[in-house]
Amino acid sequence: MARRASTHPLASPPLPVPGGAPGGAPADLSPTARPRSRTRIAFVAVTTLLRLALTLVVAALVLTGNDRIGAAVFAVAAATDYLDGSLARRWGVTTATGSFLDTTADKVLVSGVLIALAGTGEALAWPVLLIVSREMVVLGLRGSVAAAGTVISASPLGRTKAAIQFLAILLILLRVTAPLGPLGVDAWALWAAAAVSVVSGADYLVRWAGFTVRGPRSAPRP
């Protein structure tokens, strides 16, 4: 007798197949589809790794006084953050590992460039310390759940945080130092990035604590 599919409310949904259509639709497993899927996964991965490599380039440019060129390279690196995630979702090749590496690359980019800017005296030390500390703590929390094969997805607040961080770094690199009260525009932007970073970090900590208490079955899906 054929077994009916389980309709129990706690039954696990079918796992999406890499390269499948968005929404969990069956993937095209033909011989021509599999190489195409591998190529797309590789392209997304290379885009993420490019962001890591460009971090070193921007930091080197900052430390040698080439901020304008560094701003252009940083803009390219920031653009890859949107590109790899957008392509992965469009092509249906999102994975837990890819999501973890994507956000890790963002944190390395922001932290590395800010440390270089603080080292040259172009960025205030305290907001840089808050931002880098937040990124390192969240990276550790993400790693603790990633070991269980789960990625706690970024919230809208986290995405807003990243956008403000990118904007603040660009303003510093472009030396937008027009005075606005006691600080320059770039310094205000950096403090705003630090404030949003702390708030989003607290939000992530609450969601991480909920995951550790309830277990993997209740973790937010990526």
Protein backbone atom coordinates (compact mmCIF):
# COMPACT_ATOMS: atom_id res chain seq x y z
CA MET A 1 0.00 0.00 0.00
CA ALA A 2 1.38 3.43 -0.91
CA ARG A 3 2.20 5.64 2.06
CA ARG A 4 0.46 8.98 2.16
CA ALA A 5 2.56 12.11 2.60
CA SER A 6 2.54 13.32 6.19
CA THR A 7 0.19 16.22 6.87
CA HIS A 8 1.20 16.61 10.52
CA PRO A 9 1.72 20.31 11.33
CA LEU A 10 5.24 19.57 12.66
CA ALA A 11 6.30 17.55 9.63
CA SER A 12 9.52 18.94 8.16
CA PRO A 13 9.10 20.62 4.76
CA PRO A 14 11.06 19.21 1.84
CA LEU A 15 14.57 20.62 1.69
CA PRO A 16 15.24 22.89 -1.29
CA VAL A 17 17.61 21.46 -3.86
CA PRO A 18 20.55 23.73 -4.81
CA GLY A 19 19.76 25.19 -8.19
CA GLY A 20 16.03 24.65 -7.72
CA ALA A 21 13.40 27.26 -8.37
CA PRO A 22 12.60 29.77 -5.62
CA GLY A 23 9.94 28.57 -3.20
CA GLY A 24 11.22 25.01 -3.08
CA ALA A 25 10.06 24.00 -6.57
CA PRO A 26 11.80 20.92 -7.96
CA ALA A 27 15.15 21.58 -9.56
CA ASP A 28 15.99 20.64 -13.10
CA LEU A 29 18.32 17.69 -12.49
CA SER A 30 19.14 17.10 -16.13
CA PRO A 31 22.82 16.66 -17.04
CA THR A 32 22.93 20.19 -18.47
CA ALA A 33 21.30 21.75 -15.38
CA ARG A 34 23.78 20.38 -12.84
CA PRO A 35 26.90 22.03 -14.38
CA ARG A 36 24.94 25.27 -14.72
CA SER A 37 24.01 25.16 -11.03
CA ARG A 38 27.62 24.50 -10.01
CA THR A 39 28.77 27.42 -12.17
CA ARG A 40 26.27 29.75 -10.54
CA ILE A 41 27.27 28.66 -7.04
CA ALA A 42 30.91 29.22 -7.93
CA PHE A 43 30.19 32.68 -9.34
CA VAL A 44 28.35 33.75 -6.19
CA ALA A 45 31.17 32.40 -4.03
CA VAL A 46 33.80 34.25 -6.06
CA THR A 47 31.82 37.48 -5.66
CA THR A 48 31.82 37.02 -1.88
CA LEU A 49 35.55 36.22 -1.82
CA LEU A 50 36.20 39.29 -3.95
CA ARG A 51 34.75 41.42 -1.16
CA LEU A 52 37.25 39.91 1.27
CA ALA A 53 40.15 40.58 -1.09
CA LEU A 54 39.05 44.17 -1.71
CA THR A 55 39.12 44.78 2.05
CA LEU A 56 42.91 44.47 1.95
CA VAL A 57 43.10 46.74 -1.08
CA VAL A 58 41.01 49.49 0.54
CA ALA A 59 42.93 49.26 3.82
CA ALA A 60 46.24 49.54 1.97
CA LEU A 61 45.00 52.58 0.03
CA VAL A 62 43.87 54.26 3.25
CA LEU A 63 47.16 53.62 4.99
CA THR A 64 49.08 55.09 2.04
CA GLY A 65 46.90 58.23 1.84
CA ASN A 66 44.95 57.31 -1.29
CA ASP A 67 41.49 57.78 0.18
CA ARG A 68 39.78 58.85 -3.05
CA ILE A 69 40.85 55.70 -4.86
CA GLY A 70 39.99 53.75 -1.72
CA ALA A 71 36.47 55.20 -1.83
CA ALA A 72 36.00 53.93 -5.39
CA VAL A 73 37.28 50.46 -4.52
CA PHE A 74 35.15 50.40 -1.37
CA ALA A 75 32.05 51.30 -3.40
CA VAL A 76 32.74 48.31 -5.66
CA ALA A 77 33.21 46.05 -2.63
CA ALA A 78 29.96 47.29 -1.07
CA ALA A 79 28.14 46.70 -4.37
CA THR A 80 29.20 43.04 -4.33
CA ASP A 81 27.28 42.69 -1.06
CA TYR A 82 24.06 43.33 -2.96
CA LEU A 83 25.18 41.42 -6.04
CA ASP A 84 26.01 38.04 -4.49
CA GLY A 85 22.87 37.88 -2.37
CA SER A 86 20.63 38.99 -5.22
CA LEU A 87 22.09 36.45 -7.65
CA ALA A 88 21.94 33.62 -5.12
CA ARG A 89 18.23 34.24 -4.53
CA ARG A 90 17.43 34.70 -8.22
CA TRP A 91 19.27 31.53 -9.23
CA GLY A 92 18.00 29.50 -6.28
CA VAL A 93 21.49 28.62 -5.03
CA THR A 94 21.27 30.01 -1.49
CA THR A 95 22.94 27.81 1.12
CA ALA A 96 23.62 28.08 4.85
CA THR A 97 27.36 28.22 4.15
CA GLY A 98 26.95 30.90 1.51
CA SER A 99 24.80 33.04 3.80
CA PHE A 100 27.35 32.72 6.60
CA LEU A 101 30.25 33.66 4.32
CA ASP A 102 28.30 36.58 2.86
CA THR A 103 27.69 38.23 6.22
CA THR A 104 31.21 37.37 7.39
CA ALA A 105 32.64 39.17 4.35
CA ASP A 106 30.55 42.23 5.21
CA LYS A 107 31.90 42.31 8.75
CA VAL A 108 35.49 41.87 7.61
CA LEU A 109 35.08 44.67 5.06
CA VAL A 110 33.57 47.16 7.52
CA SER A 111 35.87 46.27 10.41
CA GLY A 112 39.04 46.19 8.34
CA VAL A 113 38.48 49.55 6.67
CA LEU A 114 37.37 51.24 9.90
CA ILE A 115 40.46 49.98 11.74
CA ALA A 116 42.64 51.41 8.95
CA LEU A 117 40.79 54.75 9.13
CA ALA A 118 41.14 54.86 12.91
CA GLY A 119 44.83 54.08 12.56
CA THR A 120 45.36 57.13 10.35
CA GLY A 121 43.26 59.33 12.64
CA GLU A 122 40.54 59.87 10.05
CA ALA A 123 37.87 58.03 12.05
CA LEU A 124 36.96 58.54 15.70
CA ALA A 125 38.18 55.69 17.88
CA TRP A 126 35.11 55.20 20.11
CA PRO A 127 32.48 54.63 17.39
CA VAL A 128 34.95 52.39 15.55
CA LEU A 129 35.44 50.37 18.74
CA LEU A 130 31.67 49.99 19.19
CA ILE A 131 31.12 48.91 15.59
CA VAL A 132 34.00 46.45 15.44
CA SER A 133 33.10 44.97 18.83
CA ARG A 134 29.51 44.49 17.72
CA GLU A 135 30.57 42.79 14.49
CA MET A 136 32.93 40.41 16.28
CA VAL A 137 30.33 39.45 18.90
CA VAL A 138 27.65 38.80 16.28
CA LEU A 139 30.13 36.85 14.17
CA GLY A 140 30.82 34.59 17.14
CA LEU A 141 27.10 34.10 17.80
CA ARG A 142 26.48 33.27 14.14
CA GLY A 143 29.30 30.74 14.24
CA SER A 144 27.84 29.01 17.29
CA VAL A 145 24.53 28.31 15.54
CA ALA A 146 26.12 27.71 12.13
CA ALA A 147 27.88 24.73 13.69
CA ALA A 148 24.39 23.22 14.06
CA GLY A 149 23.67 23.89 10.39
CA THR A 150 21.44 26.92 11.02
CA VAL A 151 21.82 30.54 9.99
CA ILE A 152 19.84 33.19 11.86
CA SER A 153 18.76 35.48 9.07
CA ALA A 154 19.55 39.18 9.00
CA SER A 155 16.70 41.43 10.13
CA PRO A 156 15.64 44.64 8.34
CA LEU A 157 17.42 46.49 11.14
CA GLY A 158 20.62 44.60 10.37
CA ARG A 159 20.38 45.49 6.68
CA THR A 160 19.78 49.14 7.58
CA LYS A 161 22.83 48.99 9.84
CA ALA A 162 25.01 47.75 6.97
CA ALA A 163 23.78 50.52 4.66
CA ILE A 164 24.55 53.23 7.24
CA GLN A 165 27.99 51.74 7.92
CA PHE A 166 28.80 51.75 4.20
CA LEU A 167 27.61 55.36 3.88
CA ALA A 168 29.64 56.51 6.88
CA ILE A 169 32.82 54.89 5.56
CA LEU A 170 32.32 56.46 2.13
CA LEU A 171 31.83 59.92 3.69
CA ILE A 172 35.08 59.50 5.65
CA LEU A 173 37.01 58.29 2.61
CA LEU A 174 35.68 61.19 0.54
CA ARG A 175 36.54 63.54 3.40
CA VAL A 176 33.09 65.05 3.75
CA THR A 177 34.13 66.97 6.84
CA ALA A 178 31.82 69.99 6.59
CA PRO A 179 31.08 71.11 10.18
CA LEU A 180 27.63 70.33 11.55
CA GLY A 181 27.61 71.52 15.12
CA PRO A 182 30.47 70.11 17.19
CA LEU A 183 31.35 67.41 14.61
CA GLY A 184 31.76 67.04 10.89
CA VAL A 185 29.21 65.31 8.66
CA ASP A 186 31.39 62.22 8.39
CA ALA A 187 31.80 61.96 12.17
CA TRP A 188 28.03 62.27 12.73
CA ALA A 189 27.46 59.52 10.17
CA LEU A 190 29.98 57.29 11.96
CA TRP A 191 28.29 57.85 15.32
CA ALA A 192 24.91 57.09 13.73
CA ALA A 193 26.37 53.85 12.33
CA ALA A 194 27.70 52.97 15.79
CA ALA A 195 24.32 53.61 17.42
CA VAL A 196 22.42 51.49 14.89
CA SER A 197 25.10 48.80 15.16
CA VAL A 198 24.61 48.55 18.93
CA VAL A 199 20.81 48.42 18.64
CA SER A 200 20.87 45.81 15.85
CA GLY A 201 23.43 43.82 17.83
CA ALA A 202 21.08 43.74 20.82
CA ASP A 203 18.26 42.60 18.52
CA TYR A 204 20.44 39.80 17.15
CA LEU A 205 21.44 38.76 20.68
CA VAL A 206 17.77 38.43 21.65
CA ARG A 207 17.02 36.29 18.60
CA TRP A 208 20.13 34.17 19.19
CA ALA A 209 19.09 33.63 22.82
CA GLY A 210 15.64 32.56 21.62
CA PHE A 211 17.25 30.03 19.29
CA THR A 212 19.46 28.55 21.99
CA VAL A 213 16.50 28.22 24.38
CA ARG A 214 13.97 26.80 21.90
CA GLY A 215 16.38 24.80 19.77
CA PRO A 216 16.96 24.51 16.01
CA ARG A 217 13.32 23.76 15.12
CA SER A 218 12.29 27.26 16.17
CA ALA A 219 15.19 29.15 14.55
CA PRO A 220 14.23 31.77 11.97
CA ARG A 221 14.65 30.39 8.46
CA PRO A 222 17.31 32.12 6.30
